């Protein structure tokens, strides 16, 4: 059985990275590029652990783990610029995009992401999805990030739909916890998707 919309859902909320966008290989590659600059070998398990958190928290974790003497904001700028430069390599998650296109114009839809507003904009444009969503709530728009429910609650408020009638599509444990705490229907898209290989060929 594939991904489906709950019969009682009146609005749909989608995570971005790993849900709409198969972006994890690109994120891994860009953190590897940062690692090459600073002399460490990036461990992809950090991404599994922290999916859904803003980039600044990744940067702080990496500085701590690899004992770097650097401002985390510098790492964020370097990582984000590398990611934006590689945005053309992003691939859509077809199973989720099918839901988006099928329900466009039928139910209000929003993106609730831990990515920055700029990263969300770049990804949605690269995937040709900019016009499909009524609202985008990014890490820049909330004070408390996933697993706190603020991101998804804000989406519901903007769409004018009570949380209990919103369905969230997520691939991250933190986001799933956030959606459950918000009292929303939750679909873990990982059960339905084959993301393929992590290896990403990039000409350096």
C-alpha atoms as a PDB file:
ATOM      1  CA  UNK A   1       0.000   0.000   0.000  1.00  0.00           C
ATOM      2  CA  UNK A   2       1.418   3.360  -1.007  1.00  0.00           C
ATOM      3  CA  UNK A   3       1.303   6.777   0.615  1.00  0.00           C
ATOM      4  CA  UNK A   4      -2.243   8.031   1.056  1.00  0.00           C
ATOM      5  CA  UNK A   5      -4.149  10.990   2.445  1.00  0.00           C
ATOM      6  CA  UNK A   6      -6.210  10.413   5.593  1.00  0.00           C
ATOM      7  CA  UNK A   7      -9.956  10.585   4.975  1.00  0.00           C
ATOM      8  CA  UNK A   8     -10.377  13.235   7.683  1.00  0.00           C
ATOM      9  CA  UNK A   9      -7.450  15.428   6.619  1.00  0.00           C
ATOM     10  CA  UNK A  10      -8.405  18.991   5.652  1.00  0.00           C
ATOM     11  CA  UNK A  11      -4.856  20.245   5.063  1.00  0.00           C
ATOM     12  CA  UNK A  12      -1.498  18.696   4.223  1.00  0.00           C
ATOM     13  CA  UNK A  13       1.941  19.582   5.604  1.00  0.00           C
ATOM     14  CA  UNK A  14       5.150  18.288   4.075  1.00  0.00           C
ATOM     15  CA  UNK A  15       8.653  18.168   5.450  1.00  0.00           C
ATOM     16  CA  UNK A  16      11.185  19.082   2.775  1.00  0.00           C
ATOM     17  CA  UNK A  17      14.527  17.279   3.072  1.00  0.00           C
ATOM     18  CA  UNK A  18      14.048  13.547   2.650  1.00  0.00           C
ATOM     19  CA  UNK A  19      10.294  13.930   2.123  1.00  0.00           C
ATOM     20  CA  UNK A  20       9.758  16.133  -0.915  1.00  0.00           C
ATOM     21  CA  UNK A  21      13.419  16.256  -1.865  1.00  0.00           C
ATOM     22  CA  UNK A  22      15.823  13.325  -1.920  1.00  0.00           C
ATOM     23  CA  UNK A  23      18.437  15.755  -0.670  1.00  0.00           C
ATOM     24  CA  UNK A  24      20.324  13.637   1.834  1.00  0.00           C
ATOM     25  CA  UNK A  25      23.058  12.577  -0.635  1.00  0.00           C
ATOM     26  CA  UNK A  26      23.632  16.249  -1.481  1.00  0.00           C
ATOM     27  CA  UNK A  27      23.754  17.204   2.197  1.00  0.00           C
ATOM     28  CA  UNK A  28      26.277  14.430   2.835  1.00  0.00           C
ATOM     29  CA  UNK A  29      28.410  15.564  -0.070  1.00  0.00           C
ATOM     30  CA  UNK A  30      28.400  19.204   1.023  1.00  0.00           C
ATOM     31  CA  UNK A  31      29.344  18.315   4.612  1.00  0.00           C
ATOM     32  CA  UNK A  32      32.145  16.197   3.158  1.00  0.00           C
ATOM     33  CA  UNK A  33      33.357  19.269   1.272  1.00  0.00           C
ATOM     34  CA  UNK A  34      33.357  21.220   4.541  1.00  0.00           C
ATOM     35  CA  UNK A  35      35.285  18.364   6.136  1.00  0.00           C
ATOM     36  CA  UNK A  36      37.904  18.472   3.388  1.00  0.00           C
ATOM     37  CA  UNK A  37      38.424  22.167   4.055  1.00  0.00           C
ATOM     38  CA  UNK A  38      38.814  21.677   7.818  1.00  0.00           C
ATOM     39  CA  UNK A  39      40.636  18.340   7.754  1.00  0.00           C
ATOM     40  CA  UNK A  40      38.046  15.923   9.107  1.00  0.00           C
ATOM     41  CA  UNK A  41      36.131  13.019   7.572  1.00  0.00           C
ATOM     42  CA  UNK A  42      32.410  13.681   7.946  1.00  0.00           C
ATOM     43  CA  UNK A  43      30.342  10.875   9.492  1.00  0.00           C
ATOM     44  CA  UNK A  44      26.982  10.583   7.630  1.00  0.00           C
ATOM     45  CA  UNK A  45      25.371   9.121  10.760  1.00  0.00           C
ATOM     46  CA  UNK A  46      25.239  12.687  12.093  1.00  0.00           C
ATOM     47  CA  UNK A  47      22.624  13.434   9.449  1.00  0.00           C
ATOM     48  CA  UNK A  48      20.499  10.443  10.455  1.00  0.00           C
ATOM     49  CA  UNK A  49      20.699  11.546  14.063  1.00  0.00           C
ATOM     50  CA  UNK A  50      19.889  15.225  13.500  1.00  0.00           C
ATOM     51  CA  UNK A  51      17.554  15.275  10.498  1.00  0.00           C
ATOM     52  CA  UNK A  52      15.024  18.041  11.028  1.00  0.00           C
ATOM     53  CA  UNK A  53      17.265  20.335  13.051  1.00  0.00           C
ATOM     54  CA  UNK A  54      18.513  23.661  11.647  1.00  0.00           C
ATOM     55  CA  UNK A  55      21.954  23.820  10.061  1.00  0.00           C
ATOM     56  CA  UNK A  56      23.409  25.865  12.920  1.00  0.00           C
ATOM     57  CA  UNK A  57      22.822  22.911  15.258  1.00  0.00           C
ATOM     58  CA  UNK A  58      24.588  20.594  12.806  1.00  0.00           C
ATOM     59  CA  UNK A  59      27.493  23.026  12.755  1.00  0.00           C
ATOM     60  CA  UNK A  60      27.723  23.156  16.543  1.00  0.00           C
ATOM     61  CA  UNK A  61      27.629  19.369  16.723  1.00  0.00           C
ATOM     62  CA  UNK A  62      30.390  19.064  14.118  1.00  0.00           C
ATOM     63  CA  UNK A  63      32.585  21.633  15.866  1.00  0.00           C
ATOM     64  CA  UNK A  64      32.201  19.699  19.115  1.00  0.00           C
ATOM     65  CA  UNK A  65      32.762  16.269  17.587  1.00  0.00           C
ATOM     66  CA  UNK A  66      35.773  17.222  15.489  1.00  0.00           C
ATOM     67  CA  UNK A  67      37.146  19.780  17.983  1.00  0.00           C
ATOM     68  CA  UNK A  68      37.238  22.639  15.492  1.00  0.00           C
ATOM     69  CA  UNK A  69      38.268  26.157  16.413  1.00  0.00           C
ATOM     70  CA  UNK A  70      35.666  27.906  14.283  1.00  0.00           C
ATOM     71  CA  UNK A  71      32.539  30.027  14.567  1.00  0.00           C
ATOM     72  CA  UNK A  72      29.552  27.765  13.770  1.00  0.00           C
ATOM     73  CA  UNK A  73      28.058  30.538  11.633  1.00  0.00           C
ATOM     74  CA  UNK A  74      31.092  30.334   9.345  1.00  0.00           C
ATOM     75  CA  UNK A  75      30.506  26.603   8.889  1.00  0.00           C
ATOM     76  CA  UNK A  76      26.835  27.257   8.170  1.00  0.00           C
ATOM     77  CA  UNK A  77      27.620  29.799   5.448  1.00  0.00           C
ATOM     78  CA  UNK A  78      30.166  27.513   3.817  1.00  0.00           C
ATOM     79  CA  UNK A  79      27.883  24.481   3.968  1.00  0.00           C
ATOM     80  CA  UNK A  80      24.801  26.325   2.720  1.00  0.00           C
ATOM     81  CA  UNK A  81      26.596  27.929  -0.208  1.00  0.00           C
ATOM     82  CA  UNK A  82      27.977  24.532  -1.232  1.00  0.00           C
ATOM     83  CA  UNK A  83      24.489  23.052  -0.985  1.00  0.00           C
ATOM     84  CA  UNK A  84      22.944  25.804  -3.081  1.00  0.00           C
ATOM     85  CA  UNK A  85      25.653  25.352  -5.689  1.00  0.00           C
ATOM     86  CA  UNK A  86      24.725  21.659  -5.948  1.00  0.00           C
ATOM     87  CA  UNK A  87      20.941  22.172  -5.932  1.00  0.00           C
ATOM     88  CA  UNK A  88      20.732  21.044  -9.563  1.00  0.00           C
ATOM     89  CA  UNK A  89      21.603  17.536  -8.340  1.00  0.00           C
ATOM     90  CA  UNK A  90      18.518  17.289  -6.119  1.00  0.00           C
ATOM     91  CA  UNK A  91      15.946  14.679  -7.048  1.00  0.00           C
ATOM     92  CA  UNK A  92      12.246  14.693  -6.138  1.00  0.00           C
ATOM     93  CA  UNK A  93      10.733  11.926  -4.025  1.00  0.00           C
ATOM     94  CA  UNK A  94       8.236  10.750  -6.635  1.00  0.00           C
ATOM     95  CA  UNK A  95       5.871   8.983  -4.238  1.00  0.00           C
ATOM     96  CA  UNK A  96       5.384  12.156  -2.188  1.00  0.00           C
ATOM     97  CA  UNK A  97       5.326  14.548  -5.137  1.00  0.00           C
ATOM     98  CA  UNK A  98       2.439  12.500  -6.567  1.00  0.00           C
ATOM     99  CA  UNK A  99       0.387  13.361  -3.459  1.00  0.00           C
ATOM    100  CA  UNK A 100       1.278  17.044  -3.803  1.00  0.00           C
ATOM    101  CA  UNK A 101       0.226  17.226  -7.441  1.00  0.00           C
ATOM    102  CA  UNK A 102      -2.918  15.180  -6.917  1.00  0.00           C
ATOM    103  CA  UNK A 103      -4.169  17.368  -4.066  1.00  0.00           C
ATOM    104  CA  UNK A 104      -3.017  20.733  -5.414  1.00  0.00           C
ATOM    105  CA  UNK A 105      -6.051  23.001  -5.477  1.00  0.00           C
ATOM    106  CA  UNK A 106      -8.116  20.489  -3.503  1.00  0.00           C
ATOM    107  CA  UNK A 107      -6.611  20.875  -0.023  1.00  0.00           C
ATOM    108  CA  UNK A 108      -4.433  23.658   1.395  1.00  0.00           C
ATOM    109  CA  UNK A 109      -0.796  22.585   1.572  1.00  0.00           C
ATOM    110  CA  UNK A 110       2.273  23.883   3.395  1.00  0.00           C
ATOM    111  CA  UNK A 111       5.928  22.989   3.827  1.00  0.00           C
ATOM    112  CA  UNK A 112       7.226  22.735   7.391  1.00  0.00           C
ATOM    113  CA  UNK A 113      10.996  22.401   7.377  1.00  0.00           C
ATOM    114  CA  UNK A 114      14.046  22.738   9.569  1.00  0.00           C
ATOM    115  CA  UNK A 115      15.910  24.196   6.595  1.00  0.00           C
ATOM    116  CA  UNK A 116      16.539  27.924   6.279  1.00  0.00           C
ATOM    117  CA  UNK A 117      14.148  30.003   4.229  1.00  0.00           C
ATOM    118  CA  UNK A 118      16.754  30.402   1.498  1.00  0.00           C
ATOM    119  CA  UNK A 119      17.481  26.664   1.357  1.00  0.00           C
ATOM    120  CA  UNK A 120      13.763  25.893   1.171  1.00  0.00           C
ATOM    121  CA  UNK A 121      13.366  28.400  -1.645  1.00  0.00           C
ATOM    122  CA  UNK A 122      16.316  26.964  -3.566  1.00  0.00           C
ATOM    123  CA  UNK A 123      15.114  23.379  -3.204  1.00  0.00           C
ATOM    124  CA  UNK A 124      11.504  24.033  -4.150  1.00  0.00           C
ATOM    125  CA  UNK A 125      12.613  25.996  -7.196  1.00  0.00           C
ATOM    126  CA  UNK A 126      15.063  23.266  -8.257  1.00  0.00           C
ATOM    127  CA  UNK A 127      12.287  20.688  -7.966  1.00  0.00           C
ATOM    128  CA  UNK A 128       9.706  22.830  -9.765  1.00  0.00           C
ATOM    129  CA  UNK A 129       7.417  22.876  -6.728  1.00  0.00           C
ATOM    130  CA  UNK A 130       7.334  26.545  -5.765  1.00  0.00           C
ATOM    131  CA  UNK A 131       3.765  27.134  -6.959  1.00  0.00           C
ATOM    132  CA  UNK A 132       2.259  24.081  -5.278  1.00  0.00           C
ATOM    133  CA  UNK A 133       2.345  25.311  -1.683  1.00  0.00           C
ATOM    134  CA  UNK A 134       0.294  27.990   0.017  1.00  0.00           C
ATOM    135  CA  UNK A 135       2.861  28.547   2.770  1.00  0.00           C
ATOM    136  CA  UNK A 136       6.423  27.617   3.723  1.00  0.00           C
ATOM    137  CA  UNK A 137       7.484  27.640   7.383  1.00  0.00           C
ATOM    138  CA  UNK A 138      11.261  27.375   7.711  1.00  0.00           C
ATOM    139  CA  UNK A 139      13.741  27.416  10.570  1.00  0.00           C
ATOM    140  CA  UNK A 140      13.821  31.202  10.191  1.00  0.00           C
ATOM    141  CA  UNK A 141      10.120  31.492  11.031  1.00  0.00           C
ATOM    142  CA  UNK A 142       9.985  29.765  14.421  1.00  0.00           C
ATOM    143  CA  UNK A 143      11.748  30.032  17.751  1.00  0.00           C
ATOM    144  CA  UNK A 144      11.538  26.347  18.677  1.00  0.00           C
ATOM    145  CA  UNK A 145      12.521  23.750  16.113  1.00  0.00           C
ATOM    146  CA  UNK A 146      11.568  20.088  15.694  1.00  0.00           C
ATOM    147  CA  UNK A 147      10.916  18.014  17.795  1.00  0.00           C
ATOM    148  CA  UNK A 148       8.945  20.965  19.194  1.00  0.00           C
ATOM    149  CA  UNK A 149       5.628  21.202  17.301  1.00  0.00           C
ATOM    150  CA  UNK A 150       5.849  24.956  16.606  1.00  0.00           C
ATOM    151  CA  UNK A 151       6.776  24.501  12.924  1.00  0.00           C
ATOM    152  CA  UNK A 152       3.719  22.388  12.151  1.00  0.00           C
ATOM    153  CA  UNK A 153       1.368  24.361  14.383  1.00  0.00           C
ATOM    154  CA  UNK A 154       2.422  27.514  12.541  1.00  0.00           C
ATOM    155  CA  UNK A 155       1.637  25.807   9.218  1.00  0.00           C
ATOM    156  CA  UNK A 156      -1.836  24.917  10.483  1.00  0.00           C
ATOM    157  CA  UNK A 157      -2.447  28.467  11.677  1.00  0.00           C
ATOM    158  CA  UNK A 158      -1.419  29.944   8.335  1.00  0.00           C
ATOM    159  CA  UNK A 159      -3.717  27.550   6.477  1.00  0.00           C
ATOM    160  CA  UNK A 160      -6.578  28.241   8.884  1.00  0.00           C
ATOM    161  CA  UNK A 161      -7.062  24.567   9.729  1.00  0.00           C
ATOM    162  CA  UNK A 162      -7.145  23.024  13.209  1.00  0.00           C
ATOM    163  CA  UNK A 163      -4.135  20.858  13.985  1.00  0.00           C
ATOM    164  CA  UNK A 164      -6.244  17.752  14.455  1.00  0.00           C
ATOM    165  CA  UNK A 165      -7.300  17.920  10.807  1.00  0.00           C
ATOM    166  CA  UNK A 166      -3.786  18.344   9.388  1.00  0.00           C
ATOM    167  CA  UNK A 167      -1.750  15.465   7.990  1.00  0.00           C
ATOM    168  CA  UNK A 168       2.037  15.629   8.150  1.00  0.00           C
ATOM    169  CA  UNK A 169       4.339  13.746   5.795  1.00  0.00           C
ATOM    170  CA  UNK A 170       7.776  13.260   7.376  1.00  0.00           C
ATOM    171  CA  UNK A 171      10.967  11.222   7.131  1.00  0.00           C
ATOM    172  CA  UNK A 172      12.687  12.330  10.351  1.00  0.00           C
ATOM    173  CA  UNK A 173      12.160  11.029  13.868  1.00  0.00           C
ATOM    174  CA  UNK A 174      12.233  14.575  15.248  1.00  0.00           C
ATOM    175  CA  UNK A 175       9.577  15.746  12.809  1.00  0.00           C
ATOM    176  CA  UNK A 176       7.387  12.723  13.469  1.00  0.00           C
ATOM    177  CA  UNK A 177       7.565  13.464  17.193  1.00  0.00           C
ATOM    178  CA  UNK A 178       6.685  17.105  16.518  1.00  0.00           C
ATOM    179  CA  UNK A 179       3.664  16.187  14.405  1.00  0.00           C
ATOM    180  CA  UNK A 180       2.399  13.725  17.001  1.00  0.00           C
ATOM    181  CA  UNK A 181       2.766  16.287  19.767  1.00  0.00           C
ATOM    182  CA  UNK A 182       0.761  18.716  17.630  1.00  0.00           C
ATOM    183  CA  UNK A 183      -2.034  16.133  17.471  1.00  0.00           C
ATOM    184  CA  UNK A 184      -1.854  15.740  13.698  1.00  0.00           C
ATOM    185  CA  UNK A 185      -2.196  12.708  11.464  1.00  0.00           C
ATOM    186  CA  UNK A 186       1.333  11.513  10.688  1.00  0.00           C
ATOM    187  CA  UNK A 187       2.694   9.565   7.737  1.00  0.00           C
ATOM    188  CA  UNK A 188       6.255   8.246   7.974  1.00  0.00           C
ATOM    189  CA  UNK A 189       7.229   8.304   4.307  1.00  0.00           C
ATOM    190  CA  UNK A 190      10.326   6.164   4.885  1.00  0.00           C
ATOM    191  CA  UNK A 191       8.128   3.066   4.920  1.00  0.00           C
ATOM    192  CA  UNK A 192       7.152   3.689   1.297  1.00  0.00           C
ATOM    193  CA  UNK A 193      10.308   5.044  -0.338  1.00  0.00           C
ATOM    194  CA  UNK A 194      13.550   3.628  -1.670  1.00  0.00           C
ATOM    195  CA  UNK A 195      16.085   6.430  -1.531  1.00  0.00           C
ATOM    196  CA  UNK A 196      18.726   4.514  -3.508  1.00  0.00           C
ATOM    197  CA  UNK A 197      22.442   4.787  -2.928  1.00  0.00           C
ATOM    198  CA  UNK A 198      23.975   7.454  -0.708  1.00  0.00           C
ATOM    199  CA  UNK A 199      26.995   7.806  -2.970  1.00  0.00           C
ATOM    200  CA  UNK A 200      26.830  10.930  -5.065  1.00  0.00           C
ATOM    201  CA  UNK A 201      29.208  11.525  -7.990  1.00  0.00           C
ATOM    202  CA  UNK A 202      30.297  15.130  -7.970  1.00  0.00           C
ATOM    203  CA  UNK A 203      32.996  16.670 -10.118  1.00  0.00           C
ATOM    204  CA  UNK A 204      35.312  18.522  -7.770  1.00  0.00           C
END
